[in-house]
Structures are given as C-alpha cells and as structure tokens.
Amino acid sequence: MGNISPTGIAPVLQVHPTRRCNLLCDHCYSMSGPAAREDLPTEILCACLGDAFDLGYRQLAVSGGEPLLYKQLPDLLTRGRQLGMLNTVTTNGMLITESRWDQLVPLVDVLAVSIDGREPEHDRIRRQDGAFARTVANLQVIRTSGVPFGFIFTLTQFNVDSLEFVVRLARETGARSVQVHPLTLHGRAALTMLGARPDGIELVAAILEAVRLGEELGVPVTVDALSIQQLLAYRGHIVPTRPIRRLVDVAPVLVVEPDGSVTPLTHEVNRGLKLGSLMNARLSSLASKWLAEGFGDRLADACASTWAELSSSDSMSAVYWFDEVAARTN
C-alpha cells in the first residue's frame, strides 16, 4: 500500500525543493524540466524539518524535480539526519556519478530510482533516448556505495505487463524492492497523459502481479492501492477519528511543493485545504492555524465520506486512496 500501509509507517514529510530537472517526463506532476529555475531556500526547508519533527513526522522524502540538481541537498539531508529522521530520496538516476554520490552516501537511508518499464517505453515517457541505459549503468555506483536502493514504477492504464521486466531488473541489479505508484493526473501528466490513469481493474491486476512476482522472484513488490476488501478491513487506519487535534492524525503525508505551499496527503487535494506557504510563515504556525480553523475536521470528513462511498460498492476492483479522497475535496 505504500504510504498508507495498514501496518502503519512513520508519518512522511514529502519535500520537493526544486523544479529543476534534466528531463521533461510526460508523467511529471510538478511541471519540472531543464528550463525551470524554482528552488526553495534551504534555511526555510531546514526550519520546516524541525517543525515537522516536532509535529510527529519521522521520514523525510525528497523528490523533485530532480533532487540531485538541488545544490543544498546535502544540507537538507544533514538536517534530517540531525533530527533522527529517515532520509529517502527519489531520483531518475541519470546524474549519479561517483563524485556527486559520494557526498550523499552518509546522508541517505534509502534511494528510490524511477524505472518505468522496458527501455523503449522508459525512454519514451522521459522524452530522451538513452535515458534507460544511463540510469541502469549508474546503478553500479549506488550498489558499490552500499546504500539500499529500490525501484519506483509508475503504473498507467497500459503498462502492468511491464512490471515483471522491472522486478526482474531489480533482482539482477541488486535493488531491494519495487514500489508501484499509480499515475496521478497532475502537472504535465494532466496535459500529456489524459486517459492513462489506471482504473480499478488495472490496480487489481497490479496487486495480483505484485504478489506473484514477489513470491516467484524474491523481490518485495508493493502497490500504492487498496482492494475493496482491504478498504473494509482497515477503516481505522485510513479514516481519522474526529475531532482532529494533531496534523499527523489526518495527514500522515505532508507535501511541500517547490513554491513553498504545503498540502496534506497529495498534490490533488483541493487548494482550499492547503495549509498555506512556507514563504509566509513557518510550518508550526501554518499547522496550528489550519487545525484551529477546522480544516483537519473537513479533511477527516472527506476521508469518511470517501470510505462510505467506496465500501458500499460490490466491485472487486481497487483504488488509490489518496486520489479518491482528493477527488472528494473538490
């Protein structure tokens, strides 16, 4: 299930410190690319990390853009390390040279490398020939460093048959796991991949494939989706109890966007439920005001109504929970 495992994980602060990227991927949710110049000041982010830790967030997940193009990445990860947070980084893998990676090795607990299928489809979605080959070649640098790494695979309506290739590649290259993340139609993806968001049947197919491949190949495969049966069984883990007194109780994932805006759960949540911007106030102040004004209860209500609607279905399909909640906040 990824970020909403019924067994529970540490609440996650998901930071996108830059929109700079060496690629123009079709499925990018942040409109990142080579021409983008939007960066967040490291002092603002480091203060945010301290506040997030005080609020109960225990994992720092850095993405982008391409985080390796964020010059202050070592400072950000150092602050996470000082706080005792689990530091994770998601990258396209193309920029991992020995010199660039060496300074990050002591600061990264887990690295996620994006692999989106066989070489032709990976290069096509990334709009660059040779992207796959360069990423796979750089895996040796990561493997030699000893930092645990896994793959993250974007699931669309059309590519569940590519999952086996990705899992086999993980086994061959030493990746410890594969995370399957459903495509979200946000940012550039909303313009270039309409109709490609996986439906409930495709999500079920991915869950079944994940089980089969994990057993057959010995590589753990997780899918960021819930079957309807899981939805029924784990209501207490995904629907917060009102009244909401702590931000982490209703927002186990908190997203910091490259412009400084802070959003609970996922990018797709209605703008009216955003906490505000780190450019205007610290996270501690934003969170306190957001809760005091009842937005936590509103988001909890959206979770409850989402669960009620989905659980009344007799469908054998599956859902990406965060997107389903987000759709009901609009």
C-alpha atoms as a PDB file:
ATOM      1  CA  MET A   1       0.000   0.000   0.000  1.00  0.00           C
ATOM      2  CA  GLY A   2       2.933   2.395   0.100  1.00  0.00           C
ATOM      3  CA  ASN A   3       2.247   5.430   2.278  1.00  0.00           C
ATOM      4  CA  ILE A   4      -0.963   4.067   3.801  1.00  0.00           C
ATOM      5  CA  SER A   5       0.062   0.629   4.914  1.00  0.00           C
ATOM      6  CA  PRO A   6      -2.416  -0.972   7.298  1.00  0.00           C
ATOM      7  CA  THR A   7       0.544  -1.926   9.458  1.00  0.00           C
ATOM      8  CA  GLY A   8       1.438   1.740   9.736  1.00  0.00           C
ATOM      9  CA  ILE A   9       4.601   3.671   8.918  1.00  0.00           C
ATOM     10  CA  ALA A  10       6.240   6.801  10.218  1.00  0.00           C
ATOM     11  CA  PRO A  11       4.442   9.951   9.024  1.00  0.00           C
ATOM     12  CA  VAL A  12       6.182  11.377   5.942  1.00  0.00           C
ATOM     13  CA  LEU A  13       7.248  14.906   5.083  1.00  0.00           C
ATOM     14  CA  GLN A  14       7.482  14.850   1.286  1.00  0.00           C
ATOM     15  CA  VAL A  15       9.689  17.717   0.107  1.00  0.00           C
ATOM     16  CA  HIS A  16      10.037  18.897  -3.484  1.00  0.00           C
ATOM     17  CA  PRO A  17      12.786  21.506  -3.105  1.00  0.00           C
ATOM     18  CA  THR A  18      13.227  22.297  -6.805  1.00  0.00           C
ATOM     19  CA  ARG A  19      11.587  22.117 -10.200  1.00  0.00           C
ATOM     20  CA  ARG A  20      14.953  21.864 -11.921  1.00  0.00           C
ATOM     21  CA  CYS A  21      15.316  18.613 -13.832  1.00  0.00           C
ATOM     22  CA  ASN A  22      17.404  17.187 -16.636  1.00  0.00           C
ATOM     23  CA  LEU A  23      14.273  15.622 -18.184  1.00  0.00           C
ATOM     24  CA  LEU A  24      10.788  16.609 -19.368  1.00  0.00           C
ATOM     25  CA  CYS A  25       8.920  13.450 -18.397  1.00  0.00           C
ATOM     26  CA  ASP A  26       5.339  13.033 -19.581  1.00  0.00           C
ATOM     27  CA  HIS A  27       4.189  11.825 -16.163  1.00  0.00           C
ATOM     28  CA  CYS A  28       5.773  14.673 -14.176  1.00  0.00           C
ATOM     29  CA  TYR A  29       3.311  16.097 -11.625  1.00  0.00           C
ATOM     30  CA  SER A  30       5.324  19.282 -10.966  1.00  0.00           C
ATOM     31  CA  MET A  31       5.996  20.624 -14.486  1.00  0.00           C
ATOM     32  CA  SER A  32       9.723  20.270 -13.838  1.00  0.00           C
ATOM     33  CA  GLY A  33      12.329  20.473 -16.573  1.00  0.00           C
ATOM     34  CA  PRO A  34      15.673  21.895 -17.774  1.00  0.00           C
ATOM     35  CA  ALA A  35      14.251  25.410 -18.097  1.00  0.00           C
ATOM     36  CA  ALA A  36      12.721  25.513 -14.591  1.00  0.00           C
ATOM     37  CA  ARG A  37      14.512  27.647 -12.017  1.00  0.00           C
ATOM     38  CA  GLU A  38      12.245  27.384  -8.967  1.00  0.00           C
ATOM     39  CA  ASP A  39      14.150  26.452  -5.788  1.00  0.00           C
ATOM     40  CA  LEU A  40      13.193  26.676  -2.127  1.00  0.00           C
ATOM     41  CA  PRO A  41      15.705  28.361   0.207  1.00  0.00           C
ATOM     42  CA  THR A  42      17.439  25.772   2.355  1.00  0.00           C
ATOM     43  CA  GLU A  43      17.006  27.812   5.543  1.00  0.00           C
ATOM     44  CA  ILE A  44      13.228  27.715   5.080  1.00  0.00           C
ATOM     45  CA  LEU A  45      13.268  23.969   4.477  1.00  0.00           C
ATOM     46  CA  CYS A  46      15.554  23.228   7.418  1.00  0.00           C
ATOM     47  CA  ALA A  47      13.238  25.206   9.706  1.00  0.00           C
ATOM     48  CA  CYS A  48      10.320  23.255   8.210  1.00  0.00           C
ATOM     49  CA  LEU A  49      12.051  19.965   9.041  1.00  0.00           C
ATOM     50  CA  GLY A  50      12.445  20.959  12.674  1.00  0.00           C
ATOM     51  CA  ASP A  51       8.784  21.928  12.918  1.00  0.00           C
ATOM     52  CA  ALA A  52       7.710  18.753  11.101  1.00  0.00           C
ATOM     53  CA  PHE A  53       9.658  16.597  13.525  1.00  0.00           C
ATOM     54  CA  ASP A  54       8.010  18.365  16.465  1.00  0.00           C
ATOM     55  CA  LEU A  55       4.637  17.685  14.825  1.00  0.00           C
ATOM     56  CA  GLY A  56       5.377  13.954  14.620  1.00  0.00           C
ATOM     57  CA  TYR A  57       6.803  13.452  11.123  1.00  0.00           C
ATOM     58  CA  ARG A  58       9.638  10.957  11.151  1.00  0.00           C
ATOM     59  CA  GLN A  59      10.509  10.392   7.486  1.00  0.00           C
ATOM     60  CA  LEU A  60      11.958  12.946   5.078  1.00  0.00           C
ATOM     61  CA  ALA A  61      11.201  12.009   1.455  1.00  0.00           C
ATOM     62  CA  VAL A  62      12.975  14.274  -1.032  1.00  0.00           C
ATOM     63  CA  SER A  63      11.878  14.325  -4.662  1.00  0.00           C
ATOM     64  CA  GLY A  64      11.699  16.990  -7.316  1.00  0.00           C
ATOM     65  CA  GLY A  65      12.259  17.971  -9.998  1.00  0.00           C
ATOM     66  CA  GLU A  66      15.492  16.059  -9.836  1.00  0.00           C
ATOM     67  CA  PRO A  67      16.767  16.407  -6.247  1.00  0.00           C
ATOM     68  CA  LEU A  68      20.392  15.895  -7.295  1.00  0.00           C
ATOM     69  CA  LEU A  69      20.147  19.282  -9.049  1.00  0.00           C
ATOM     70  CA  TYR A  70      19.241  20.968  -5.756  1.00  0.00           C
ATOM     71  CA  LYS A  71      22.606  22.323  -4.635  1.00  0.00           C
ATOM     72  CA  GLN A  72      21.632  22.396  -0.963  1.00  0.00           C
ATOM     73  CA  LEU A  73      20.517  18.758  -0.889  1.00  0.00           C
ATOM     74  CA  PRO A  74      23.392  17.742   1.449  1.00  0.00           C
ATOM     75  CA  ASP A  75      22.361  20.500   3.896  1.00  0.00           C
ATOM     76  CA  LEU A  76      18.732  19.381   3.812  1.00  0.00           C
ATOM     77  CA  LEU A  77      19.630  15.733   4.388  1.00  0.00           C
ATOM     78  CA  THR A  78      22.098  16.682   7.116  1.00  0.00           C
ATOM     79  CA  ARG A  79      19.308  18.451   8.972  1.00  0.00           C
ATOM     80  CA  GLY A  80      17.115  15.373   8.606  1.00  0.00           C
ATOM     81  CA  ARG A  81      19.938  13.220   9.944  1.00  0.00           C
ATOM     82  CA  GLN A  82      20.445  15.559  12.941  1.00  0.00           C
ATOM     83  CA  LEU A  83      16.766  15.234  13.814  1.00  0.00           C
ATOM     84  CA  GLY A  84      16.880  11.452  13.545  1.00  0.00           C
ATOM     85  CA  MET A  85      14.555  11.291  10.557  1.00  0.00           C
ATOM     86  CA  LEU A  86      14.680   8.515   7.967  1.00  0.00           C
ATOM     87  CA  ASN A  87      16.121  10.155   4.838  1.00  0.00           C
ATOM     88  CA  THR A  88      14.814   8.912   1.488  1.00  0.00           C
ATOM     89  CA  VAL A  89      15.497  10.375  -1.953  1.00  0.00           C
ATOM     90  CA  THR A  90      13.744   9.698  -5.269  1.00  0.00           C
ATOM     91  CA  THR A  91      15.788  10.246  -8.441  1.00  0.00           C
ATOM     92  CA  ASN A  92      15.727   9.494 -12.151  1.00  0.00           C
ATOM     93  CA  GLY A  93      19.224   8.085 -11.635  1.00  0.00           C
ATOM     94  CA  MET A  94      20.842   9.733 -14.635  1.00  0.00           C
ATOM     95  CA  LEU A  95      23.046  12.133 -12.651  1.00  0.00           C
ATOM     96  CA  ILE A  96      24.509   9.710 -10.119  1.00  0.00           C
ATOM     97  CA  THR A  97      28.223   9.997 -10.772  1.00  0.00           C
ATOM     98  CA  GLU A  98      30.728   8.861  -8.165  1.00  0.00           C
ATOM     99  CA  SER A  99      31.742  12.420  -7.280  1.00  0.00           C
ATOM    100  CA  ARG A 100      28.152  13.603  -6.866  1.00  0.00           C
ATOM    101  CA  TRP A 101      27.019  10.489  -4.996  1.00  0.00           C
ATOM    102  CA  ASP A 102      29.945  10.257  -2.556  1.00  0.00           C
ATOM    103  CA  GLN A 103      28.855  13.336  -0.611  1.00  0.00           C
ATOM    104  CA  LEU A 104      25.329  11.946  -0.201  1.00  0.00           C
ATOM    105  CA  VAL A 105      26.197   8.383   0.841  1.00  0.00           C
ATOM    106  CA  PRO A 106      26.386   9.100   4.610  1.00  0.00           C
ATOM    107  CA  LEU A 107      23.110  11.036   4.473  1.00  0.00           C
ATOM    108  CA  VAL A 108      20.734   8.753   2.532  1.00  0.00           C
ATOM    109  CA  ASP A 109      18.981   5.809   4.196  1.00  0.00           C
ATOM    110  CA  VAL A 110      17.086   4.618   1.114  1.00  0.00           C
ATOM    111  CA  LEU A 111      17.262   5.683  -2.528  1.00  0.00           C
ATOM    112  CA  ALA A 112      14.351   5.192  -4.940  1.00  0.00           C
ATOM    113  CA  VAL A 113      15.239   5.079  -8.637  1.00  0.00           C
ATOM    114  CA  SER A 114      12.484   5.614 -11.190  1.00  0.00           C
ATOM    115  CA  ILE A 115      12.228   2.833 -13.772  1.00  0.00           C
ATOM    116  CA  ASP A 116       9.130   2.953 -15.958  1.00  0.00           C
ATOM    117  CA  GLY A 117       9.290  -0.254 -17.949  1.00  0.00           C
ATOM    118  CA  ARG A 118      11.362  -1.677 -20.753  1.00  0.00           C
ATOM    119  CA  GLU A 119      13.964   0.543 -22.397  1.00  0.00           C
ATOM    120  CA  PRO A 120      11.783   1.875 -25.278  1.00  0.00           C
ATOM    121  CA  GLU A 121       8.831   2.767 -23.043  1.00  0.00           C
ATOM    122  CA  HIS A 122      11.056   4.232 -20.324  1.00  0.00           C
ATOM    123  CA  ASP A 123      12.818   6.465 -22.862  1.00  0.00           C
ATOM    124  CA  ARG A 124       9.533   7.418 -24.499  1.00  0.00           C
ATOM    125  CA  ILE A 125       7.854   8.587 -21.288  1.00  0.00           C
ATOM    126  CA  ARG A 126      11.031  10.509 -20.408  1.00  0.00           C
ATOM    127  CA  ARG A 127      11.337  12.016 -23.860  1.00  0.00           C
ATOM    128  CA  GLN A 128      15.020  11.147 -24.111  1.00  0.00           C
ATOM    129  CA  ASP A 129      16.741   8.340 -25.971  1.00  0.00           C
ATOM    130  CA  GLY A 130      19.362   6.622 -23.845  1.00  0.00           C
ATOM    131  CA  ALA A 131      17.760   7.597 -20.526  1.00  0.00           C
ATOM    132  CA  PHE A 132      17.191   3.978 -19.523  1.00  0.00           C
ATOM    133  CA  ALA A 133      20.713   2.853 -20.403  1.00  0.00           C
ATOM    134  CA  ARG A 134      22.311   5.703 -18.478  1.00  0.00           C
ATOM    135  CA  THR A 135      20.213   5.098 -15.376  1.00  0.00           C
ATOM    136  CA  VAL A 136      20.893   1.364 -15.333  1.00  0.00           C
ATOM    137  CA  ALA A 137      24.632   1.961 -15.831  1.00  0.00           C
ATOM    138  CA  ASN A 138      24.666   4.272 -12.799  1.00  0.00           C
ATOM    139  CA  LEU A 139      23.145   1.630 -10.536  1.00  0.00           C
ATOM    140  CA  GLN A 140      26.645   0.206 -10.094  1.00  0.00           C
ATOM    141  CA  VAL A 141      27.707   3.420  -8.325  1.00  0.00           C
ATOM    142  CA  ILE A 142      24.822   3.086  -5.866  1.00  0.00           C
ATOM    143  CA  ARG A 143      25.352  -0.628  -5.335  1.00  0.00           C
ATOM    144  CA  THR A 144      29.069  -0.174  -4.637  1.00  0.00           C
ATOM    145  CA  SER A 145      28.316   2.509  -2.028  1.00  0.00           C
ATOM    146  CA  GLY A 146      26.176   0.109  -0.002  1.00  0.00           C
ATOM    147  CA  VAL A 147      23.185   2.463   0.226  1.00  0.00           C
ATOM    148  CA  PRO A 148      19.956   0.424  -0.021  1.00  0.00           C
ATOM    149  CA  PHE A 149      18.000   1.242  -3.176  1.00  0.00           C
ATOM    150  CA  GLY A 150      14.794   0.209  -4.853  1.00  0.00           C
ATOM    151  CA  PHE A 151      12.795   0.992  -7.968  1.00  0.00           C
ATOM    152  CA  ILE A 152       9.645   3.058  -8.261  1.00  0.00           C
ATOM    153  CA  PHE A 153       7.434   2.191 -11.233  1.00  0.00           C
ATOM    154  CA  THR A 154       4.626   4.469 -12.431  1.00  0.00           C
ATOM    155  CA  LEU A 155       1.572   2.374 -13.239  1.00  0.00           C
ATOM    156  CA  THR A 156      -0.648   3.554 -16.097  1.00  0.00           C
ATOM    157  CA  GLN A 157      -3.712   2.012 -17.700  1.00  0.00           C
ATOM    158  CA  PHE A 158      -1.479   0.301 -20.245  1.00  0.00           C
ATOM    159  CA  ASN A 159       1.727  -0.989 -18.664  1.00  0.00           C
ATOM    160  CA  VAL A 160       1.022  -3.580 -15.952  1.00  0.00           C
ATOM    161  CA  ASP A 161       2.580  -6.140 -18.299  1.00  0.00           C
ATOM    162  CA  SER A 162       5.904  -4.284 -17.916  1.00  0.00           C
ATOM    163  CA  LEU A 163       6.025  -4.842 -14.161  1.00  0.00           C
ATOM    164  CA  GLU A 164       7.640  -8.258 -14.483  1.00  0.00           C
ATOM    165  CA  PHE A 165      10.503  -6.762 -16.503  1.00  0.00           C
ATOM    166  CA  VAL A 166      11.085  -4.131 -13.793  1.00  0.00           C
ATOM    167  CA  VAL A 167      11.045  -6.692 -10.970  1.00  0.00           C
ATOM    168  CA  ARG A 168      13.457  -8.960 -12.837  1.00  0.00           C
ATOM    169  CA  LEU A 169      15.727  -5.963 -13.424  1.00  0.00           C
ATOM    170  CA  ALA A 170      15.572  -5.223  -9.695  1.00  0.00           C
ATOM    171  CA  ARG A 171      16.731  -8.747  -8.892  1.00  0.00           C
ATOM    172  CA  GLU A 172      19.546  -8.576 -11.454  1.00  0.00           C
ATOM    173  CA  THR A 173      20.853  -5.175 -10.305  1.00  0.00           C
ATOM    174  CA  GLY A 174      20.518  -5.559  -6.532  1.00  0.00           C
ATOM    175  CA  ALA A 175      17.504  -3.330  -5.977  1.00  0.00           C
ATOM    176  CA  ARG A 176      15.834  -4.398  -2.756  1.00  0.00           C
ATOM    177  CA  SER A 177      12.228  -3.640  -3.670  1.00  0.00           C
ATOM    178  CA  VAL A 178       9.839  -2.289  -6.282  1.00  0.00           C
ATOM    179  CA  GLN A 179       7.151   0.252  -5.439  1.00  0.00           C
ATOM    180  CA  VAL A 180       4.264   0.545  -7.899  1.00  0.00           C
ATOM    181  CA  HIS A 181       2.744   4.025  -7.854  1.00  0.00           C
ATOM    182  CA  PRO A 182      -0.414   4.812  -9.856  1.00  0.00           C
ATOM    183  CA  LEU A 183      -0.193   7.714 -12.274  1.00  0.00           C
ATOM    184  CA  THR A 184      -1.698  10.927 -10.894  1.00  0.00           C
ATOM    185  CA  LEU A 185      -3.056  13.386 -13.433  1.00  0.00           C
ATOM    186  CA  HIS A 186      -1.372  16.485 -12.059  1.00  0.00           C
ATOM    187  CA  GLY A 187       1.085  18.916 -13.611  1.00  0.00           C
ATOM    188  CA  ARG A 188       2.396  17.841 -17.023  1.00  0.00           C
ATOM    189  CA  ALA A 189       0.658  14.463 -16.741  1.00  0.00           C
ATOM    190  CA  ALA A 190      -2.697  16.235 -16.883  1.00  0.00           C
ATOM    191  CA  LEU A 191      -1.715  17.587 -20.290  1.00  0.00           C
ATOM    192  CA  THR A 192       0.139  14.661 -21.843  1.00  0.00           C
ATOM    193  CA  MET A 193      -1.352  11.505 -20.302  1.00  0.00           C
ATOM    194  CA  LEU A 194      -5.108  12.002 -20.177  1.00  0.00           C
ATOM    195  CA  GLY A 195      -6.780   8.615 -20.297  1.00  0.00           C
ATOM    196  CA  ALA A 196      -3.706   6.855 -18.905  1.00  0.00           C
ATOM    197  CA  ARG A 197      -4.657   6.891 -15.217  1.00  0.00           C
ATOM    198  CA  PRO A 198      -5.109   3.245 -14.145  1.00  0.00           C
ATOM    199  CA  ASP A 199      -8.656   2.208 -13.355  1.00  0.00           C
ATOM    200  CA  GLY A 200      -9.713  -0.137 -10.558  1.00  0.00           C
ATOM    201  CA  ILE A 201      -9.287  -3.261 -12.653  1.00  0.00           C
ATOM    202  CA  GLU A 202      -5.748  -2.299 -13.634  1.00  0.00           C
ATOM    203  CA  LEU A 203      -4.931  -1.675  -9.974  1.00  0.00           C
ATOM    204  CA  VAL A 204      -6.218  -5.147  -9.068  1.00  0.00           C
ATOM    205  CA  ALA A 205      -4.088  -6.610 -11.844  1.00  0.00           C
ATOM    206  CA  ALA A 206      -1.052  -4.801 -10.429  1.00  0.00           C
ATOM    207  CA  ILE A 207      -1.758  -6.103  -6.914  1.00  0.00           C
ATOM    208  CA  LEU A 208      -2.045  -9.671  -8.170  1.00  0.00           C
ATOM    209  CA  GLU A 209       1.132  -9.311 -10.218  1.00  0.00           C
ATOM    210  CA  ALA A 210       2.948  -7.861  -7.214  1.00  0.00           C
ATOM    211  CA  VAL A 211       2.064 -10.917  -5.127  1.00  0.00           C
ATOM    212  CA  ARG A 212       3.029 -13.356  -7.880  1.00  0.00           C
ATOM    213  CA  LEU A 213       6.322 -11.664  -8.721  1.00  0.00           C
ATOM    214  CA  GLY A 214       7.310 -11.210  -5.103  1.00  0.00           C
ATOM    215  CA  GLU A 215       6.843 -14.897  -4.432  1.00  0.00           C
ATOM    216  CA  GLU A 216       8.449 -16.032  -7.680  1.00  0.00           C
ATOM    217  CA  LEU A 217      11.451 -13.688  -7.786  1.00  0.00           C
ATOM    218  CA  GLY A 218      12.024 -12.922  -4.118  1.00  0.00           C
ATOM    219  CA  VAL A 219      11.833  -9.147  -4.561  1.00  0.00           C
ATOM    220  CA  PRO A 220       9.260  -7.343  -2.369  1.00  0.00           C
ATOM    221  CA  VAL A 221       6.739  -5.509  -4.571  1.00  0.00           C
ATOM    222  CA  THR A 222       4.259  -3.047  -3.076  1.00  0.00           C
ATOM    223  CA  VAL A 223       1.386  -1.295  -4.809  1.00  0.00           C
ATOM    224  CA  ASP A 224       0.069   2.068  -3.624  1.00  0.00           C
ATOM    225  CA  ALA A 225      -3.508   0.850  -3.830  1.00  0.00           C
ATOM    226  CA  LEU A 226      -6.191  -0.790  -1.703  1.00  0.00           C
ATOM    227  CA  SER A 227      -8.532  -3.542  -2.737  1.00  0.00           C
ATOM    228  CA  ILE A 228     -12.128  -3.028  -1.639  1.00  0.00           C
ATOM    229  CA  GLN A 229     -11.604  -5.882   0.823  1.00  0.00           C
ATOM    230  CA  GLN A 230      -8.635  -4.057   2.372  1.00  0.00           C
ATOM    231  CA  LEU A 231     -10.658  -0.865   2.468  1.00  0.00           C
ATOM    232  CA  LEU A 232     -13.290  -2.623   4.552  1.00  0.00           C
ATOM    233  CA  ALA A 233     -10.755  -4.283   6.846  1.00  0.00           C
ATOM    234  CA  TYR A 234      -8.615  -1.239   7.605  1.00  0.00           C
ATOM    235  CA  ARG A 235     -11.064   1.618   8.074  1.00  0.00           C
ATOM    236  CA  GLY A 236      -9.497   2.556  11.389  1.00  0.00           C
ATOM    237  CA  HIS A 237      -6.113   3.031   9.729  1.00  0.00           C
ATOM    238  CA  ILE A 238      -7.237   5.333   6.931  1.00  0.00           C
ATOM    239  CA  VAL A 239     -10.230   7.270   8.296  1.00  0.00           C
ATOM    240  CA  PRO A 240      -9.169   9.647  11.097  1.00  0.00           C
ATOM    241  CA  THR A 241     -11.245   9.961  14.246  1.00  0.00           C
ATOM    242  CA  ARG A 242     -12.739  13.378  14.896  1.00  0.00           C
ATOM    243  CA  PRO A 243     -12.076  15.822  16.428  1.00  0.00           C
ATOM    244  CA  ILE A 244      -8.654  16.242  14.828  1.00  0.00           C
ATOM    245  CA  ARG A 245      -6.133  17.584  17.307  1.00  0.00           C
ATOM    246  CA  ARG A 246      -2.850  16.673  15.586  1.00  0.00           C
ATOM    247  CA  LEU A 247      -1.887  17.264  11.979  1.00  0.00           C
ATOM    248  CA  VAL A 248      -0.338  13.791  11.612  1.00  0.00           C
ATOM    249  CA  ASP A 249      -3.646  12.170  12.556  1.00  0.00           C
ATOM    250  CA  VAL A 250      -5.320  13.413   9.375  1.00  0.00           C
ATOM    251  CA  ALA A 251      -2.260  14.000   7.179  1.00  0.00           C
ATOM    252  CA  PRO A 252       0.209  11.099   7.510  1.00  0.00           C
ATOM    253  CA  VAL A 253       1.808  12.542   4.377  1.00  0.00           C
ATOM    254  CA  LEU A 254       2.542  16.255   4.133  1.00  0.00           C
ATOM    255  CA  VAL A 255       3.687  17.628   0.777  1.00  0.00           C
ATOM    256  CA  VAL A 256       5.942  20.679   0.447  1.00  0.00           C
ATOM    257  CA  GLU A 257       5.803  21.959  -3.135  1.00  0.00           C
ATOM    258  CA  PRO A 258       8.624  23.823  -4.944  1.00  0.00           C
ATOM    259  CA  ASP A 259       6.795  27.143  -4.430  1.00  0.00           C
ATOM    260  CA  GLY A 260       6.649  26.576  -0.670  1.00  0.00           C
ATOM    261  CA  SER A 261       2.971  25.626  -0.461  1.00  0.00           C
ATOM    262  CA  VAL A 262       2.098  22.843   1.978  1.00  0.00           C
ATOM    263  CA  THR A 263      -0.592  20.300   1.096  1.00  0.00           C
ATOM    264  CA  PRO A 264      -1.950  17.379   3.138  1.00  0.00           C
ATOM    265  CA  LEU A 265      -1.912  13.852   1.643  1.00  0.00           C
ATOM    266  CA  THR A 266      -1.351  14.526  -2.058  1.00  0.00           C
ATOM    267  CA  HIS A 267      -0.943  17.231  -4.717  1.00  0.00           C
ATOM    268  CA  GLU A 268      -4.527  16.684  -5.883  1.00  0.00           C
ATOM    269  CA  VAL A 269      -6.188  17.876  -2.663  1.00  0.00           C
ATOM    270  CA  ASN A 270      -8.297  20.992  -3.213  1.00  0.00           C
ATOM    271  CA  ARG A 271      -6.317  24.225  -2.927  1.00  0.00           C
ATOM    272  CA  GLY A 272      -8.730  25.395  -0.237  1.00  0.00           C
ATOM    273  CA  LEU A 273      -7.377  22.692   2.090  1.00  0.00           C
ATOM    274  CA  LYS A 274      -3.723  23.677   1.715  1.00  0.00           C
ATOM    275  CA  LEU A 275      -2.037  24.766   4.915  1.00  0.00           C
ATOM    276  CA  GLY A 276      -0.502  27.846   3.282  1.00  0.00           C
ATOM    277  CA  SER A 277       3.020  28.730   2.190  1.00  0.00           C
ATOM    278  CA  LEU A 278       6.359  28.414   3.959  1.00  0.00           C
ATOM    279  CA  MET A 279       7.289  31.653   2.223  1.00  0.00           C
ATOM    280  CA  ASN A 280       4.815  33.415   4.510  1.00  0.00           C
ATOM    281  CA  ALA A 281       5.017  31.513   7.809  1.00  0.00           C
ATOM    282  CA  ARG A 282       6.703  28.575   9.495  1.00  0.00           C
ATOM    283  CA  LEU A 283       5.120  25.154   9.351  1.00  0.00           C
ATOM    284  CA  SER A 284       4.346  25.220  13.075  1.00  0.00           C
ATOM    285  CA  SER A 285       2.231  28.365  12.618  1.00  0.00           C
ATOM    286  CA  LEU A 286       0.561  27.103   9.447  1.00  0.00           C
ATOM    287  CA  ALA A 287      -0.377  23.816  11.126  1.00  0.00           C
ATOM    288  CA  SER A 288      -1.736  25.483  14.257  1.00  0.00           C
ATOM    289  CA  LYS A 289      -3.901  27.907  12.282  1.00  0.00           C
ATOM    290  CA  TRP A 290      -5.118  25.166   9.909  1.00  0.00           C
ATOM    291  CA  LEU A 291      -6.265  22.975  12.782  1.00  0.00           C
ATOM    292  CA  ALA A 292      -7.825  25.872  14.695  1.00  0.00           C
ATOM    293  CA  GLU A 293      -9.902  26.826  11.666  1.00  0.00           C
ATOM    294  CA  GLY A 294     -11.321  23.310  11.361  1.00  0.00           C
ATOM    295  CA  PHE A 295      -9.608  22.203   8.170  1.00  0.00           C
ATOM    296  CA  GLY A 296      -8.425  18.990   9.829  1.00  0.00           C
ATOM    297  CA  ASP A 297     -12.025  18.017  10.552  1.00  0.00           C
ATOM    298  CA  ARG A 298     -13.002  18.892   6.984  1.00  0.00           C
ATOM    299  CA  LEU A 299     -10.322  16.592   5.594  1.00  0.00           C
ATOM    300  CA  ALA A 300     -11.356  13.867   8.047  1.00  0.00           C
ATOM    301  CA  ASP A 301     -14.943  14.234   6.807  1.00  0.00           C
ATOM    302  CA  ALA A 302     -13.701  13.811   3.232  1.00  0.00           C
ATOM    303  CA  CYS A 303     -11.923  10.609   4.274  1.00  0.00           C
ATOM    304  CA  ALA A 304     -15.068   9.294   5.986  1.00  0.00           C
ATOM    305  CA  SER A 305     -17.351  10.065   3.044  1.00  0.00           C
ATOM    306  CA  THR A 306     -14.836   8.542   0.628  1.00  0.00           C
ATOM    307  CA  TRP A 307     -14.707   5.347   2.664  1.00  0.00           C
ATOM    308  CA  ALA A 308     -18.506   5.172   2.931  1.00  0.00           C
ATOM    309  CA  GLU A 309     -18.979   5.600  -0.803  1.00  0.00           C
ATOM    310  CA  LEU A 310     -16.273   3.147  -1.838  1.00  0.00           C
ATOM    311  CA  SER A 311     -17.113   0.498   0.757  1.00  0.00           C
ATOM    312  CA  SER A 312     -20.742   0.335  -0.396  1.00  0.00           C
ATOM    313  CA  SER A 313     -19.590  -0.919  -3.780  1.00  0.00           C
ATOM    314  CA  ASP A 314     -19.731  -4.627  -4.544  1.00  0.00           C
ATOM    315  CA  SER A 315     -16.896  -4.176  -7.019  1.00  0.00           C
ATOM    316  CA  MET A 316     -13.849  -6.430  -6.963  1.00  0.00           C
ATOM    317  CA  SER A 317     -11.634  -3.531  -8.031  1.00  0.00           C
ATOM    318  CA  ALA A 318      -9.052  -1.452  -6.140  1.00  0.00           C
ATOM    319  CA  VAL A 319      -8.414   2.241  -5.516  1.00  0.00           C
ATOM    320  CA  TYR A 320      -5.566   4.660  -4.923  1.00  0.00           C
ATOM    321  CA  TRP A 321      -6.865   6.019  -1.626  1.00  0.00           C
ATOM    322  CA  PHE A 322      -5.236   9.464  -1.652  1.00  0.00           C
ATOM    323  CA  ASP A 323      -6.539  10.292  -5.134  1.00  0.00           C
ATOM    324  CA  GLU A 324     -10.015   9.129  -4.150  1.00  0.00           C
ATOM    325  CA  VAL A 325     -10.014  11.388  -1.076  1.00  0.00           C
ATOM    326  CA  ALA A 326      -8.598  14.293  -3.086  1.00  0.00           C
ATOM    327  CA  ALA A 327     -11.381  13.951  -5.673  1.00  0.00           C
ATOM    328  CA  ARG A 328     -13.928  14.428  -2.914  1.00  0.00           C
ATOM    329  CA  THR A 329     -12.322  17.630  -1.635  1.00  0.00           C
ATOM    330  CA  ASN A 330     -13.008  19.430  -4.919  1.00  0.00           C
END
